[in-house]
Protein backbone atom coordinates (compact mmCIF):
# COMPACT_ATOMS: atom_id res chain seq x y z
CA MET A 1 -46.94 -14.55 10.45
CA THR A 2 -43.71 -13.58 12.17
CA GLU A 3 -41.70 -15.41 9.52
CA SER A 4 -42.61 -12.64 7.07
CA LEU A 5 -41.74 -9.82 9.46
CA HIS A 6 -38.75 -7.66 8.58
CA VAL A 7 -37.43 -5.05 11.02
CA ALA A 8 -34.68 -2.65 9.88
CA PHE A 9 -32.77 -0.16 12.03
CA HIS A 10 -31.26 3.08 10.69
CA GLY A 11 -29.09 5.36 12.78
CA LEU A 12 -29.16 3.11 15.83
CA PRO A 13 -27.87 -0.37 16.64
CA PRO A 14 -30.29 -3.29 16.14
CA SER A 15 -32.17 -4.11 19.32
CA GLU A 16 -33.77 -7.43 20.17
CA GLN A 17 -36.02 -5.62 22.67
CA ALA A 18 -37.38 -3.37 19.92
CA ARG A 19 -37.89 -6.39 17.65
CA GLU A 20 -39.83 -8.14 20.42
CA ARG A 21 -42.03 -5.03 20.91
CA VAL A 22 -42.76 -5.02 17.18
CA ARG A 23 -43.63 -8.74 17.29
CA LYS A 24 -46.05 -8.16 20.17
CA GLN A 25 -47.74 -5.27 18.39
CA LEU A 26 -48.04 -7.35 15.21
CA ALA A 27 -49.53 -10.27 17.15
CA ALA A 28 -52.17 -7.92 18.57
CA LEU A 29 -52.87 -6.60 15.07
CA GLU A 30 -53.31 -10.14 13.72
CA ARG A 31 -56.39 -10.50 15.91
CA HIS A 32 -58.01 -7.77 13.77
CA ALA A 33 -56.62 -8.93 10.42
CA PRO A 34 -55.74 -12.63 10.43
CA LYS A 35 -54.77 -12.62 6.73
CA ILE A 36 -51.60 -10.54 7.08
CA LEU A 37 -49.10 -11.59 4.43
CA SER A 38 -46.07 -9.57 5.50
CA CYS A 39 -44.95 -6.62 7.57
CA ARG A 40 -41.92 -4.36 7.12
CA VAL A 41 -40.93 -2.05 9.94
CA THR A 42 -38.22 0.62 9.82
CA VAL A 43 -36.95 2.11 13.07
CA GLN A 44 -34.95 5.27 12.51
CA ALA A 45 -33.24 7.54 14.99
CA ASP A 46 -33.55 11.23 14.17
CA ARG A 47 -30.38 12.77 15.57
CA HIS A 48 -30.99 16.25 14.17
CA ARG A 49 -33.29 17.42 16.96
CA ARG A 50 -31.32 19.92 19.01
CA ARG A 51 -34.11 21.08 21.31
CA SER A 52 -35.99 17.92 22.14
CA GLY A 53 -33.16 15.41 21.89
CA ASN A 54 -33.18 12.25 19.85
CA THR A 55 -36.52 11.07 18.57
CA TYR A 56 -37.48 7.88 16.79
CA GLU A 57 -39.44 7.46 13.64
CA VAL A 58 -41.11 4.11 13.14
CA HIS A 59 -42.62 3.37 9.76
CA ALA A 60 -44.60 0.15 9.30
CA GLU A 61 -45.97 -1.28 6.07
CA LEU A 62 -48.50 -4.09 6.25
CA HIS A 63 -49.51 -6.31 3.34
CA VAL A 64 -52.85 -8.12 3.26
CA PRO A 65 -54.43 -9.80 0.22
CA GLY A 66 -55.15 -7.06 -2.32
CA ARG A 67 -54.06 -4.16 -0.13
CA THR A 68 -51.07 -2.46 1.49
CA PHE A 69 -51.33 -0.24 4.55
CA SER A 70 -48.69 2.23 5.70
CA SER A 71 -48.38 3.83 9.13
CA GLY A 72 -47.22 7.15 7.67
CA ARG A 73 -44.92 9.56 9.45
CA HIS A 74 -45.19 11.41 12.73
CA ARG A 75 -45.15 15.15 13.13
CA PRO A 76 -41.66 16.55 13.75
CA GLY A 77 -41.17 18.22 17.10
CA ASP A 78 -43.41 15.83 19.05
CA GLU A 79 -41.28 15.00 22.08
CA ARG A 80 -43.28 11.86 22.87
CA TYR A 81 -41.36 10.18 20.05
CA ALA A 82 -38.19 10.29 22.17
CA ASP A 83 -39.57 7.05 23.67
CA LEU A 84 -39.06 4.14 21.27
CA ASP A 85 -41.93 2.15 22.84
CA PHE A 86 -44.29 5.04 22.20
CA ALA A 87 -43.13 5.38 18.57
CA ILE A 88 -43.71 1.66 17.93
CA ARG A 89 -47.15 1.70 19.57
CA GLU A 90 -48.20 4.76 17.58
CA ALA A 91 -47.12 3.24 14.25
CA PHE A 92 -49.20 0.12 14.93
CA ARG A 93 -52.11 2.18 16.27
CA ARG A 94 -52.23 4.00 12.93
CA LEU A 95 -52.17 0.66 11.08
CA LYS A 96 -54.99 -0.72 13.24
CA ARG A 97 -57.11 2.36 12.54
CA GLN A 98 -56.59 1.92 8.80
CA LEU A 99 -57.46 -1.79 9.00
CA ASP A 100 -60.61 -1.01 10.99
CA GLU A 101 -61.69 1.64 8.46
CA HIS A 102 -61.00 -0.75 5.58
CA SER A 103 -63.04 -3.50 7.25
CA ALA A 104 -65.92 -1.10 7.86
CA ARG A 105 -65.93 -0.01 4.20
CA ARG A 106 -65.93 -3.65 3.08
CA ARG A 107 -68.85 -4.47 5.43
CA GLU A 108 -70.82 -1.50 4.10
CA ALA A 109 -70.14 -2.53 0.51
CA ARG A 110 -71.36 -6.08 1.26
CA ARG A 111 -74.51 -4.76 2.96
CA ALA A 112 -75.20 -2.48 0.00
CA SER A 113 -74.79 -5.33 -2.50
CA VAL A 114 -77.06 -7.63 -0.47
CA GLY A 115 -79.65 -4.84 -0.17
CA ALA A 116 -79.53 -4.20 -3.91
CA ARG A 117 -80.11 -7.90 -4.66
CA GLN A 118 -83.10 -8.06 -2.34
CA ALA A 119 -84.76 -4.98 -3.84
């Protein structure tokens, strides 16, 4: 799936280390959703934080057949996002949660339709 992975950097120089971290997170996510079509990740440095220093915002968008998932945004002022590794992990954690919830809803819908046919 890595051939359809796109990583963009805004406000900081492109980093092969960050790309590799994204690839690893995506590989872990593929174990939960093997039908991933594409993934777009934007890594942005927020240089307007005077108190907490530079923070990173990582936004990931994942495409699977019939659905698109988005990691959303983090809350401003959270100093944990000064660590790029943490920001990447959190973006993919949010995607995994959404995929898990989607899978659970699909399982429930299938169970309901099987139960309705048997009744």
